[in-house]
Amino acid sequence: MQQWSARRENVVPGLAAMDAPEPIAAASRKRINRFDRMEWAGAGGDLGTLIPFVVAYIGVLGVDPHGMLLAFGVAGIVCGLVYRTPFPVQPMKAIGAAATTQAAQTLVVTAGAVYAAGIATGVLWLLLALTGAVQKICRWVGAPVVTGIVLGLGLGFMLQGVRMMSDDWWLGAIGLGATLWMLSYRAFPAMFLLLALGAAWGIAREPVIVSELLAVSAQFRPPSFALGALTWNDWLVGCLVLALPQLPLTLGNAVIAITDENNRLFPDRAVSERRVAASTGLMNLIGAAFGGVPMCHGAGGMAGHVRFGARTGGAAIILGTLLVLLALFFADSVQTLLRIFPTAVLGVILFLTGAQLALGACDLGRDKGERFAALVTAGCALWNVGLAFVVGLAVLALARKGRLHL
């Protein structure tokens, strides 16, 4: 794994040609967090993933946005201070998707089950980190499988971004074109233009938003304990229905892939799989206790932050601080505040995030069998990362034994 990571660092010049290498190099030399305009712009690079899941949790399951946003915010601030890179904090996608779709269809999943899933997930990843088992598992996974997972995730984000842009294709086309044009001008961050365009479009289409926003007022709410009312059904559903299907996805995307992504872009601020697993466990244990939903460190989140200008942990701290303020003072108005961002604009962010992520996985190696294993993994990851993980390992084993005739 270490040799492969060193080989993949050669991809950085290609990425840098597209993405301005000087800020990365400067930040690496200083090893400090910055809070300039590019960090502020990069802080919004993960909104395409964060906002849809937050809206789904609130609208379908009735999760209190207070504890959810507070957990995301505190975790983001801590990650920015500790890792000093644009280290993301994202909702666990498999749990979020399963919770909202199952609740909409069968009404058996509750907000309590989501909190229980966070506790179960936190305990598991903390144990894997403390025992060192996570590093043994990661060393067993072949490099082409990781490449395929990252590539598949990137392409999947791009496809989802296109679907979201199709909801309002005029806005999506204008937003994507303007953002691509602005990405070459660092004097004015592209994210600011994109969010301003989205806000203007949203207000023009739904003018009533203006009066609703003017009616928003700050009301302080302190943190509160959220686990006192959990039932046995919550624990059963949370552990078996929600937490278990998430494990392969978290291992592939939120432990292995994010470690590789961070170390490839910021080799002087390298992290280990064990450290990432530990932070995943801790932030879920603490966050769930105060009403947070299951969280992870997705590689796509870092790609989004970097794509829009972030180079240090300042972006994570900025986003985390905004979420904490939103949770403590505007929790009752979250749905109104989020309505200002049209789905098509979030789709543009997600599309460019996917492109950035896939770009880092373009080096598939020279061996034909390993390239095939990476592509098969990527194809399966477009549907299910857990399945891709298993299939990729099987194909790679056959390729290395000479059983594949390509």
Protein backbone atom coordinates (compact mmCIF):
# COMPACT_ATOMS: atom_id res chain seq x y z
CA MET A 1 0.00 0.00 0.00
CA GLN A 2 2.84 2.42 0.82
CA GLN A 3 4.64 1.72 -2.47
CA TRP A 4 1.43 2.21 -4.41
CA SER A 5 0.69 5.49 -2.57
CA ALA A 6 4.17 6.73 -3.45
CA ARG A 7 3.58 5.82 -7.09
CA ARG A 8 0.27 7.61 -7.12
CA GLU A 9 1.88 10.84 -5.88
CA ASN A 10 3.10 11.20 -9.44
CA VAL A 11 -0.48 12.03 -10.37
CA VAL A 12 -0.28 15.33 -8.49
CA PRO A 13 1.48 17.29 -11.28
CA GLY A 14 -1.32 16.36 -13.68
CA LEU A 15 -3.86 17.44 -11.11
CA ALA A 16 -1.88 20.56 -10.33
CA ALA A 17 -1.88 21.66 -13.95
CA MET A 18 -5.65 21.83 -13.73
CA ASP A 19 -5.94 22.95 -10.14
CA ALA A 20 -3.19 25.50 -9.41
CA PRO A 21 -0.39 23.76 -7.46
CA GLU A 22 1.04 26.84 -5.73
CA PRO A 23 -1.56 27.04 -2.91
CA ILE A 24 -1.05 23.36 -2.05
CA ALA A 25 2.72 23.78 -2.00
CA ALA A 26 2.54 26.97 0.07
CA ALA A 27 0.17 25.46 2.60
CA SER A 28 2.36 22.36 2.81
CA ARG A 29 5.46 24.38 3.62
CA LYS A 30 3.73 26.39 6.36
CA ARG A 31 1.66 23.51 7.73
CA ILE A 32 -0.86 25.99 9.14
CA ASN A 33 -4.56 26.52 8.63
CA ARG A 34 -5.57 29.48 6.49
CA PHE A 35 -8.86 31.37 6.45
CA ASP A 36 -8.58 33.38 3.23
CA ARG A 37 -11.19 33.69 0.47
CA MET A 38 -10.17 30.41 -1.16
CA GLU A 39 -10.67 28.52 2.10
CA TRP A 40 -14.09 30.15 2.45
CA ALA A 41 -14.94 29.13 -1.12
CA GLY A 42 -13.63 25.60 -0.60
CA ALA A 43 -15.71 25.27 2.56
CA GLY A 44 -18.80 25.07 0.34
CA GLY A 45 -17.38 22.33 -1.85
CA ASP A 46 -19.25 19.57 0.00
CA LEU A 47 -22.69 21.19 0.08
CA GLY A 48 -23.87 19.04 -2.83
CA THR A 49 -23.71 15.99 -0.54
CA LEU A 50 -24.48 17.55 2.82
CA ILE A 51 -27.66 19.54 2.07
CA PRO A 52 -29.69 16.79 0.32
CA PHE A 53 -29.09 14.35 3.20
CA VAL A 54 -29.87 16.98 5.84
CA VAL A 55 -33.13 17.83 4.07
CA ALA A 56 -34.04 14.13 3.76
CA TYR A 57 -33.34 13.40 7.43
CA ILE A 58 -35.44 16.37 8.54
CA GLY A 59 -38.30 15.95 6.08
CA VAL A 60 -38.71 12.16 6.09
CA LEU A 61 -37.56 11.03 9.55
CA GLY A 62 -38.17 14.18 11.54
CA VAL A 63 -34.60 14.30 12.85
CA ASP A 64 -34.02 17.43 14.91
CA PRO A 65 -31.63 19.64 12.88
CA HIS A 66 -30.21 21.05 16.13
CA GLY A 67 -28.24 17.97 17.17
CA MET A 68 -27.51 16.88 13.60
CA LEU A 69 -25.91 20.15 12.50
CA LEU A 70 -24.15 20.60 15.84
CA ALA A 71 -22.49 17.19 15.47
CA PHE A 72 -21.39 17.92 11.91
CA GLY A 73 -20.07 21.32 12.92
CA VAL A 74 -18.06 20.24 15.95
CA ALA A 75 -16.61 17.25 14.06
CA GLY A 76 -15.58 19.53 11.18
CA ILE A 77 -13.84 21.99 13.49
CA VAL A 78 -11.94 19.24 15.28
CA CYS A 79 -10.88 17.60 12.00
CA GLY A 80 -9.63 20.91 10.64
CA LEU A 81 -7.57 21.53 13.78
CA VAL A 82 -6.18 17.99 13.98
CA TYR A 83 -5.55 17.06 10.33
CA ARG A 84 -4.83 20.58 8.96
CA THR A 85 -6.07 19.53 5.51
CA PRO A 86 -9.55 19.93 3.93
CA PHE A 87 -10.59 16.77 5.79
CA PRO A 88 -14.34 16.31 5.28
CA VAL A 89 -17.15 15.23 7.56
CA GLN A 90 -20.08 13.77 5.63
CA PRO A 91 -23.28 11.82 6.29
CA MET A 92 -22.89 8.06 5.87
CA LYS A 93 -24.63 7.55 2.54
CA ALA A 94 -25.83 3.96 2.84
CA ILE A 95 -27.36 4.62 6.27
CA GLY A 96 -28.91 7.88 5.10
CA ALA A 97 -30.40 6.31 1.99
CA ALA A 98 -31.67 3.22 3.83
CA ALA A 99 -33.13 5.25 6.69
CA THR A 100 -35.04 7.72 4.53
CA THR A 101 -36.30 5.25 1.92
CA GLN A 102 -37.32 2.59 4.45
CA ALA A 103 -39.04 5.18 6.62
CA ALA A 104 -40.94 6.51 3.61
CA GLN A 105 -42.03 3.01 2.57
CA THR A 106 -42.59 1.05 5.78
CA LEU A 107 -42.45 3.57 8.65
CA VAL A 108 -40.29 1.21 10.75
CA VAL A 109 -37.22 3.47 10.88
CA THR A 110 -37.25 6.29 13.41
CA ALA A 111 -34.87 9.08 14.35
CA GLY A 112 -33.93 6.95 17.37
CA ALA A 113 -32.85 4.11 15.09
CA VAL A 114 -30.53 6.54 13.29
CA TYR A 115 -28.94 7.57 16.60
CA ALA A 116 -28.53 3.90 17.54
CA ALA A 117 -26.84 3.24 14.19
CA GLY A 118 -24.40 6.04 14.99
CA ILE A 119 -23.52 4.48 18.34
CA ALA A 120 -23.06 1.01 16.81
CA THR A 121 -20.93 2.40 14.00
CA GLY A 122 -18.84 4.44 16.41
CA VAL A 123 -18.13 1.49 18.70
CA LEU A 124 -17.11 -0.76 15.80
CA TRP A 125 -14.69 1.68 14.14
CA LEU A 126 -13.15 2.69 17.44
CA LEU A 127 -12.50 -0.97 18.29
CA LEU A 128 -10.99 -1.62 14.86
CA ALA A 129 -8.70 1.37 15.36
CA LEU A 130 -7.65 0.58 18.93
CA THR A 131 -6.86 -3.07 18.12
CA GLY A 132 -5.01 -2.19 14.90
CA ALA A 133 -7.27 -4.54 12.94
CA VAL A 134 -8.23 -1.81 10.47
CA GLN A 135 -4.65 -1.48 9.20
CA LYS A 136 -4.38 -5.23 8.70
CA ILE A 137 -7.59 -5.19 6.67
CA CYS A 138 -6.40 -2.24 4.59
CA ARG A 139 -3.05 -3.89 3.82
CA TRP A 140 -4.94 -6.94 2.58
CA VAL A 141 -6.91 -4.86 0.08
CA GLY A 142 -5.17 -4.55 -3.31
CA ALA A 143 -4.32 -1.15 -4.75
CA PRO A 144 -6.40 -1.64 -7.95
CA VAL A 145 -9.49 -2.20 -5.80
CA VAL A 146 -8.96 1.14 -4.05
CA THR A 147 -8.37 2.86 -7.39
CA GLY A 148 -11.58 1.36 -8.74
CA ILE A 149 -13.59 2.45 -5.70
CA VAL A 150 -12.33 6.03 -5.98
CA LEU A 151 -12.93 6.11 -9.74
CA GLY A 152 -16.42 4.62 -9.35
CA LEU A 153 -17.31 7.09 -6.61
CA GLY A 154 -16.14 9.98 -8.76
CA LEU A 155 -18.16 8.84 -11.77
CA GLY A 156 -21.15 8.15 -9.53
CA PHE A 157 -21.01 11.68 -8.15
CA MET A 158 -20.87 13.05 -11.69
CA LEU A 159 -23.92 11.02 -12.74
CA GLN A 160 -25.86 12.10 -9.66
CA GLY A 161 -24.83 15.68 -10.33
CA VAL A 162 -26.21 15.46 -13.88
CA ARG A 163 -29.50 14.07 -12.54
CA MET A 164 -29.77 16.93 -10.07
CA MET A 165 -28.95 19.51 -12.75
CA SER A 166 -31.66 18.05 -14.98
CA ASP A 167 -34.28 19.22 -12.47
CA ASP A 168 -33.69 22.70 -13.84
CA TRP A 169 -31.41 22.19 -16.83
CA TRP A 170 -31.17 25.87 -17.79
CA LEU A 171 -29.83 26.76 -14.36
CA GLY A 172 -27.60 23.67 -14.35
CA ALA A 173 -26.09 24.51 -17.74
CA ILE A 174 -25.50 28.16 -16.85
CA GLY A 175 -24.10 27.27 -13.43
CA LEU A 176 -21.74 24.60 -14.78
CA GLY A 177 -20.50 26.79 -17.64
CA ALA A 178 -19.95 29.82 -15.41
CA THR A 179 -18.21 27.74 -12.74
CA LEU A 180 -15.84 26.07 -15.22
CA TRP A 181 -14.97 29.49 -16.61
CA MET A 182 -14.43 31.01 -13.15
CA LEU A 183 -12.26 28.13 -11.90
CA SER A 184 -9.36 29.59 -13.91
CA TYR A 185 -9.64 32.95 -12.10
CA ARG A 186 -8.47 32.61 -8.51
CA ALA A 187 -9.04 36.31 -7.76
CA PHE A 188 -12.76 35.62 -7.40
CA PRO A 189 -13.65 32.10 -6.16
CA ALA A 190 -16.07 30.21 -8.40
CA MET A 191 -18.08 28.96 -5.42
CA PHE A 192 -19.17 32.49 -4.53
CA LEU A 193 -20.50 33.08 -8.05
CA LEU A 194 -22.29 29.73 -8.10
CA LEU A 195 -24.02 30.25 -4.75
CA ALA A 196 -24.99 33.83 -5.68
CA LEU A 197 -26.44 32.59 -8.97
CA GLY A 198 -28.37 29.86 -7.18
CA ALA A 199 -29.74 32.22 -4.54
CA ALA A 200 -30.85 34.75 -7.16
CA TRP A 201 -32.53 32.03 -9.21
CA GLY A 202 -34.25 30.55 -6.17
CA ILE A 203 -35.62 33.93 -5.05
CA ALA A 204 -36.77 34.79 -8.58
CA ARG A 205 -38.71 31.52 -8.87
CA GLU A 206 -40.10 31.62 -5.32
CA PRO A 207 -40.25 35.26 -4.12
CA VAL A 208 -42.01 34.23 -0.91
CA ILE A 209 -38.61 32.99 0.33
CA VAL A 210 -37.57 36.61 0.90
CA SER A 211 -40.35 37.28 3.41
CA GLU A 212 -39.70 33.94 5.12
CA LEU A 213 -36.00 34.72 5.44
CA LEU A 214 -36.74 38.17 6.87
CA ALA A 215 -38.92 36.51 9.51
CA VAL A 216 -36.06 34.27 10.70
CA SER A 217 -34.80 35.18 14.16
CA ALA A 218 -32.02 33.84 16.36
CA GLN A 219 -33.11 31.62 19.25
CA PHE A 220 -30.39 29.95 21.33
CA ARG A 221 -30.76 26.23 22.05
CA PRO A 222 -28.12 24.47 24.17
CA PRO A 223 -27.04 20.90 23.36
CA SER A 224 -29.19 18.13 24.81
CA PHE A 225 -28.83 14.37 25.36
CA ALA A 226 -30.68 12.41 22.66
CA LEU A 227 -30.37 8.75 23.68
CA GLY A 228 -32.67 8.62 26.70
CA ALA A 229 -35.79 7.55 24.78
CA LEU A 230 -34.28 4.82 22.57
CA THR A 231 -36.27 1.56 22.43
CA TRP A 232 -35.14 -1.99 21.76
CA ASN A 233 -36.66 -1.66 18.30
CA ASP A 234 -34.48 1.40 17.66
CA TRP A 235 -31.35 -0.54 18.63
CA LEU A 236 -32.35 -3.57 16.53
CA VAL A 237 -33.19 -1.56 13.41
CA GLY A 238 -30.23 0.77 13.86
CA CYS A 239 -27.66 -2.00 14.20
CA LEU A 240 -28.97 -4.59 11.72
CA VAL A 241 -30.86 -2.60 9.08
CA LEU A 242 -28.78 0.59 9.01
CA ALA A 243 -25.27 0.08 10.41
CA LEU A 244 -24.27 -3.31 8.93
CA PRO A 245 -24.84 -2.45 5.23
CA GLN A 246 -22.70 0.68 5.70
CA LEU A 247 -19.52 -1.13 6.79
CA PRO A 248 -18.01 -1.98 3.36
CA LEU A 249 -18.79 1.49 2.04
CA THR A 250 -17.13 3.15 5.04
CA LEU A 251 -14.06 0.94 4.75
CA GLY A 252 -13.63 1.58 1.03
CA ASN A 253 -14.58 5.24 0.78
CA ALA A 254 -14.23 6.74 4.24
CA VAL A 255 -11.10 4.95 5.48
CA ILE A 256 -9.00 3.60 2.60
CA ALA A 257 -9.90 6.08 -0.15
CA ILE A 258 -9.80 9.22 2.02
CA THR A 259 -6.43 8.18 3.45
CA ASP A 260 -5.03 7.73 -0.05
CA GLU A 261 -6.59 11.00 -1.25
CA ASN A 262 -5.20 13.00 1.68
CA ASN A 263 -1.71 11.50 1.47
CA ARG A 264 -1.55 11.96 -2.30
CA LEU A 265 -2.47 15.63 -2.16
CA PHE A 266 -0.83 16.52 1.15
CA PRO A 267 2.08 14.11 1.73
CA ASP A 268 3.57 16.30 4.47
CA ARG A 269 0.33 16.00 6.47
CA ALA A 270 -0.14 12.27 5.98
CA VAL A 271 -2.69 10.27 7.95
CA SER A 272 -3.08 6.54 8.64
CA GLU A 273 -6.10 4.31 8.24
CA ARG A 274 -5.98 3.64 11.97
CA ARG A 275 -6.17 7.34 12.79
CA VAL A 276 -9.07 7.90 10.37
CA ALA A 277 -10.96 4.91 11.79
CA ALA A 278 -10.45 6.27 15.31
CA SER A 279 -11.82 9.69 14.42
CA THR A 280 -14.78 8.04 12.66
CA GLY A 281 -15.56 6.10 15.81
CA LEU A 282 -15.18 9.01 18.20
CA MET A 283 -17.22 11.53 16.22
CA ASN A 284 -20.09 9.04 15.85
CA LEU A 285 -20.12 8.05 19.52
CA ILE A 286 -20.09 11.66 20.72
CA GLY A 287 -22.27 13.03 17.92
CA ALA A 288 -25.04 10.43 18.28
CA ALA A 289 -25.30 11.16 22.00
CA PHE A 290 -26.41 14.71 21.16
CA GLY A 291 -28.67 13.85 18.21
CA GLY A 292 -26.15 13.54 15.39
CA VAL A 293 -26.63 11.20 12.43
CA PRO A 294 -23.94 8.69 11.38
CA MET A 295 -20.92 10.53 9.92
CA CYS A 296 -17.78 9.58 8.00
CA HIS A 297 -14.80 11.05 6.13
CA GLY A 298 -15.75 10.57 2.45
CA ALA A 299 -13.08 10.97 -0.22
CA GLY A 300 -15.58 12.90 -2.33
CA GLY A 301 -15.83 15.54 0.36
CA MET A 302 -12.12 16.28 0.21
CA ALA A 303 -12.27 16.38 -3.59
CA GLY A 304 -15.07 18.95 -3.37
CA HIS A 305 -13.23 21.16 -0.90
CA VAL A 306 -10.03 21.03 -2.98
CA ARG A 307 -11.84 21.56 -6.29
CA PHE A 308 -13.19 24.92 -5.08
CA GLY A 309 -9.95 26.19 -3.56
CA ALA A 310 -9.36 24.72 -0.09
CA ARG A 311 -5.80 23.72 0.78
CA THR A 312 -5.78 23.59 4.60
CA GLY A 313 -8.00 22.66 7.51
CA GLY A 314 -9.33 26.21 7.48
CA ALA A 315 -12.15 25.18 5.12
CA ALA A 316 -13.35 22.45 7.49
CA ILE A 317 -13.17 24.86 10.45
CA ILE A 318 -15.11 27.55 8.55
CA LEU A 319 -17.88 25.15 7.50
CA GLY A 320 -17.98 23.59 10.96
CA THR A 321 -18.28 26.98 12.67
CA LEU A 322 -21.14 28.00 10.38
CA LEU A 323 -22.96 24.73 11.10
CA VAL A 324 -22.49 25.14 14.86
CA LEU A 325 -23.91 28.68 14.74
CA LEU A 326 -26.79 27.46 12.59
CA ALA A 327 -27.51 24.66 15.07
CA LEU A 328 -27.31 26.78 18.21
CA PHE A 329 -29.22 29.83 16.99
CA PHE A 330 -31.27 28.96 13.88
CA ALA A 331 -32.19 25.25 14.24
CA ASP A 332 -35.90 25.98 13.91
CA SER A 333 -35.37 27.81 10.60
CA VAL A 334 -32.99 25.38 8.88
CA GLN A 335 -35.48 24.19 6.26
CA THR A 336 -36.29 27.76 5.27
CA LEU A 337 -32.60 28.71 5.00
CA LEU A 338 -31.74 25.67 2.88
CA ARG A 339 -34.56 26.29 0.39
CA ILE A 340 -32.56 29.14 -1.13
CA PHE A 341 -30.16 26.65 -2.80
CA PRO A 342 -31.79 25.07 -5.91
CA THR A 343 -31.17 21.38 -6.56
CA ALA A 344 -29.51 22.18 -9.90
CA VAL A 345 -26.84 24.29 -8.18
CA LEU A 346 -26.10 21.49 -5.72
CA GLY A 347 -25.84 19.21 -8.77
CA VAL A 348 -23.12 21.43 -10.27
CA ILE A 349 -21.13 21.18 -7.03
CA LEU A 350 -21.55 17.40 -6.94
CA PHE A 351 -20.62 17.01 -10.62
CA LEU A 352 -17.35 18.94 -10.25
CA THR A 353 -16.60 17.12 -7.00
CA GLY A 354 -16.94 13.81 -8.84
CA ALA A 355 -14.70 15.01 -11.65
CA GLN A 356 -12.01 16.01 -9.14
CA LEU A 357 -12.26 12.65 -7.37
CA ALA A 358 -12.16 10.60 -10.59
CA LEU A 359 -9.19 12.63 -11.83
CA GLY A 360 -7.10 11.36 -8.94
CA ALA A 361 -7.84 7.74 -9.90
CA CYS A 362 -6.82 7.91 -13.55
CA ASP A 363 -3.55 6.04 -13.00
CA LEU A 364 -4.70 2.43 -13.39
CA GLY A 365 -1.20 0.93 -13.59
CA ARG A 366 0.55 -0.97 -16.35
CA ASP A 367 -0.58 -4.52 -15.65
CA LYS A 368 -3.59 -5.40 -17.81
CA GLY A 369 -5.14 -7.71 -15.22
CA GLU A 370 -4.92 -5.09 -12.48
CA ARG A 371 -6.37 -2.44 -14.80
CA PHE A 372 -9.28 -4.78 -15.51
CA ALA A 373 -9.83 -5.36 -11.79
CA ALA A 374 -9.85 -1.59 -11.20
CA LEU A 375 -12.38 -1.01 -13.98
CA VAL A 376 -14.66 -3.82 -12.80
CA THR A 377 -14.53 -2.38 -9.29
CA ALA A 378 -15.32 1.10 -10.62
CA GLY A 379 -18.28 -0.21 -12.62
CA CYS A 380 -19.74 -2.01 -9.61
CA ALA A 381 -19.10 1.03 -7.38
CA LEU A 382 -21.49 3.02 -9.55
CA TRP A 383 -24.22 0.83 -8.10
CA ASN A 384 -22.99 -0.39 -4.71
CA VAL A 385 -19.57 0.24 -3.13
CA GLY A 386 -19.89 -2.72 -0.79
CA LEU A 387 -20.50 -5.07 -3.72
CA ALA A 388 -17.68 -3.41 -5.66
CA PHE A 389 -15.32 -4.08 -2.76
CA VAL A 390 -16.06 -7.81 -2.76
CA VAL A 391 -16.14 -8.26 -6.56
CA GLY A 392 -12.96 -6.22 -6.99
CA LEU A 393 -11.05 -8.39 -4.54
CA ALA A 394 -12.23 -11.55 -6.30
CA VAL A 395 -11.30 -10.30 -9.79
CA LEU A 396 -7.91 -9.05 -8.58
CA ALA A 397 -7.15 -12.44 -7.01
CA LEU A 398 -8.00 -14.20 -10.28
CA ALA A 399 -5.88 -11.75 -12.26
CA ARG A 400 -2.82 -12.23 -10.02
CA LYS A 401 -3.16 -16.01 -10.28
CA GLY A 402 -3.21 -15.80 -14.06
CA ARG A 403 -6.77 -17.12 -14.28
CA LEU A 404 -7.99 -14.23 -16.45
CA HIS A 405 -7.22 -14.28 -20.18
CA LEU A 406 -7.71 -10.73 -21.41
